[in-house]
Amino acid sequence: MVHAVRVRHIGDFEERVTEIRAWLDKNAIKPRFFEHSSGGPGIAFSVAFEKKADAEAFAEAFHGHVLRDDPHGNPLWIVPSKGDHDHKV
């Protein structure tokens, strides 16, 4: 199973990619995929991991959200943090 994380960043793109790469290298984690898109405010990064613990650690480090399959068949839903409400990505 793949565990995906969505992180939104407003600021310097290259700086954020460098920070993400450094964190992945420091933690010896190789993501399954790493994408970005510029729709909406800032840049959205989608990064997927083999291990749920890696996804959770990445989400915490970069203030992101771990995504999961919706039981109704929709592809990705945000797993809420404390105080958040479920909403579709």
C-alpha atoms as a PDB file:
ATOM      1  CA  MET A   1       0.000   0.000   0.000  1.00  0.00           C
ATOM      2  CA  VAL A   2       1.171   3.516  -0.775  1.00  0.00           C
ATOM      3  CA  HIS A   3       0.729   6.292   1.781  1.00  0.00           C
ATOM      4  CA  ALA A   4       0.532   9.742   0.198  1.00  0.00           C
ATOM      5  CA  VAL A   5       1.036  13.169   1.767  1.00  0.00           C
ATOM      6  CA  ARG A   6      -0.079  16.534   0.431  1.00  0.00           C
ATOM      7  CA  VAL A   7       1.886  19.638   1.464  1.00  0.00           C
ATOM      8  CA  ARG A   8       1.076  23.179   0.340  1.00  0.00           C
ATOM      9  CA  HIS A   9       3.837  25.784   0.280  1.00  0.00           C
ATOM     10  CA  ILE A  10       3.730  29.504  -0.418  1.00  0.00           C
ATOM     11  CA  GLY A  11       7.233  30.772  -1.002  1.00  0.00           C
ATOM     12  CA  ASP A  12      10.364  29.865  -2.876  1.00  0.00           C
ATOM     13  CA  PHE A  13       9.863  26.626  -4.825  1.00  0.00           C
ATOM     14  CA  GLU A  14      13.530  25.678  -5.170  1.00  0.00           C
ATOM     15  CA  GLU A  15      14.202  26.316  -1.486  1.00  0.00           C
ATOM     16  CA  ARG A  16      11.301  24.050  -0.460  1.00  0.00           C
ATOM     17  CA  VAL A  17      12.393  21.252  -2.813  1.00  0.00           C
ATOM     18  CA  THR A  18      15.897  21.476  -1.339  1.00  0.00           C
ATOM     19  CA  GLU A  19      14.456  21.258   2.210  1.00  0.00           C
ATOM     20  CA  ILE A  20      12.326  18.251   1.282  1.00  0.00           C
ATOM     21  CA  ARG A  21      15.246  16.475  -0.405  1.00  0.00           C
ATOM     22  CA  ALA A  22      17.501  17.144   2.615  1.00  0.00           C
ATOM     23  CA  TRP A  23      14.864  15.750   4.986  1.00  0.00           C
ATOM     24  CA  LEU A  24      14.398  12.625   2.844  1.00  0.00           C
ATOM     25  CA  ASP A  25      18.178  12.084   2.641  1.00  0.00           C
ATOM     26  CA  LYS A  26      18.687  12.696   6.379  1.00  0.00           C
ATOM     27  CA  ASN A  27      15.993  10.137   7.201  1.00  0.00           C
ATOM     28  CA  ALA A  28      17.150   7.661   4.507  1.00  0.00           C
ATOM     29  CA  ILE A  29      13.678   7.599   2.964  1.00  0.00           C
ATOM     30  CA  LYS A  30      13.052   7.125  -0.728  1.00  0.00           C
ATOM     31  CA  PRO A  31       9.558   8.194  -1.774  1.00  0.00           C
ATOM     32  CA  ARG A  32       7.517   6.153  -4.284  1.00  0.00           C
ATOM     33  CA  PHE A  33       6.633   9.350  -6.128  1.00  0.00           C
ATOM     34  CA  PHE A  34       7.087  13.092  -5.769  1.00  0.00           C
ATOM     35  CA  GLU A  35       4.881  15.509  -7.710  1.00  0.00           C
ATOM     36  CA  HIS A  36       3.991  19.160  -7.541  1.00  0.00           C
ATOM     37  CA  SER A  37       1.291  21.374  -8.986  1.00  0.00           C
ATOM     38  CA  SER A  38       0.719  25.104  -9.000  1.00  0.00           C
ATOM     39  CA  GLY A  39      -3.092  25.200  -8.884  1.00  0.00           C
ATOM     40  CA  GLY A  40      -4.443  27.311  -6.021  1.00  0.00           C
ATOM     41  CA  PRO A  41      -2.334  29.363  -3.659  1.00  0.00           C
ATOM     42  CA  GLY A  42       1.339  28.429  -3.725  1.00  0.00           C
ATOM     43  CA  ILE A  43       2.632  25.017  -4.733  1.00  0.00           C
ATOM     44  CA  ALA A  44       1.084  21.687  -3.715  1.00  0.00           C
ATOM     45  CA  PHE A  45       3.505  18.801  -3.256  1.00  0.00           C
ATOM     46  CA  SER A  46       2.243  15.208  -3.314  1.00  0.00           C
ATOM     47  CA  VAL A  47       4.707  12.660  -1.982  1.00  0.00           C
ATOM     48  CA  ALA A  48       4.019   8.938  -1.501  1.00  0.00           C
ATOM     49  CA  PHE A  49       5.762   6.467   0.776  1.00  0.00           C
ATOM     50  CA  GLU A  50       5.767   2.691   1.256  1.00  0.00           C
ATOM     51  CA  LYS A  51       5.561   2.966   5.048  1.00  0.00           C
ATOM     52  CA  LYS A  52       2.768   4.747   6.884  1.00  0.00           C
ATOM     53  CA  ALA A  53       5.232   5.904   9.561  1.00  0.00           C
ATOM     54  CA  ASP A  54       7.344   7.643   6.888  1.00  0.00           C
ATOM     55  CA  ALA A  55       4.264   9.415   5.510  1.00  0.00           C
ATOM     56  CA  GLU A  56       3.234  10.542   8.992  1.00  0.00           C
ATOM     57  CA  ALA A  57       6.727  11.816   9.821  1.00  0.00           C
ATOM     58  CA  PHE A  58       6.921  13.717   6.511  1.00  0.00           C
ATOM     59  CA  ALA A  59       3.473  15.249   7.046  1.00  0.00           C
ATOM     60  CA  GLU A  60       4.473  16.388  10.527  1.00  0.00           C
ATOM     61  CA  ALA A  61       7.812  17.811   9.378  1.00  0.00           C
ATOM     62  CA  PHE A  62       6.253  19.821   6.525  1.00  0.00           C
ATOM     63  CA  HIS A  63       2.825  20.598   8.005  1.00  0.00           C
ATOM     64  CA  GLY A  64       1.041  18.418   5.473  1.00  0.00           C
ATOM     65  CA  HIS A  65      -1.826  15.936   5.484  1.00  0.00           C
ATOM     66  CA  VAL A  66      -1.664  12.171   5.089  1.00  0.00           C
ATOM     67  CA  LEU A  67      -4.123  11.094   2.401  1.00  0.00           C
ATOM     68  CA  ARG A  68      -6.104   7.877   2.336  1.00  0.00           C
ATOM     69  CA  ASP A  69      -8.610   6.021   0.166  1.00  0.00           C
ATOM     70  CA  ASP A  70     -12.209   6.969   0.850  1.00  0.00           C
ATOM     71  CA  PRO A  71     -14.450   3.986   1.737  1.00  0.00           C
ATOM     72  CA  HIS A  72     -16.921   5.179  -0.931  1.00  0.00           C
ATOM     73  CA  GLY A  73     -14.357   4.766  -3.718  1.00  0.00           C
ATOM     74  CA  ASN A  74     -13.210   8.370  -4.108  1.00  0.00           C
ATOM     75  CA  PRO A  75      -9.456   8.368  -4.676  1.00  0.00           C
ATOM     76  CA  LEU A  76      -8.073  10.593  -1.931  1.00  0.00           C
ATOM     77  CA  TRP A  77      -9.392  12.180   1.231  1.00  0.00           C
ATOM     78  CA  ILE A  78      -7.472  14.103   3.874  1.00  0.00           C
ATOM     79  CA  VAL A  79      -7.031  12.363   7.203  1.00  0.00           C
ATOM     80  CA  PRO A  80      -7.792  15.204   9.631  1.00  0.00           C
ATOM     81  CA  SER A  81      -5.387  16.434  12.248  1.00  0.00           C
ATOM     82  CA  LYS A  82      -6.698  17.513  15.640  1.00  0.00           C
ATOM     83  CA  GLY A  83      -9.249  20.253  15.101  1.00  0.00           C
ATOM     84  CA  ASP A  84      -9.518  19.637  11.343  1.00  0.00           C
ATOM     85  CA  HIS A  85     -12.610  18.350   9.576  1.00  0.00           C
ATOM     86  CA  ASP A  86     -12.607  15.761   6.796  1.00  0.00           C
ATOM     87  CA  HIS A  87     -12.662  17.329   3.368  1.00  0.00           C
ATOM     88  CA  LYS A  88     -11.966  16.117  -0.099  1.00  0.00           C
ATOM     89  CA  VAL A  89      -8.723  17.044  -1.868  1.00  0.00           C
END
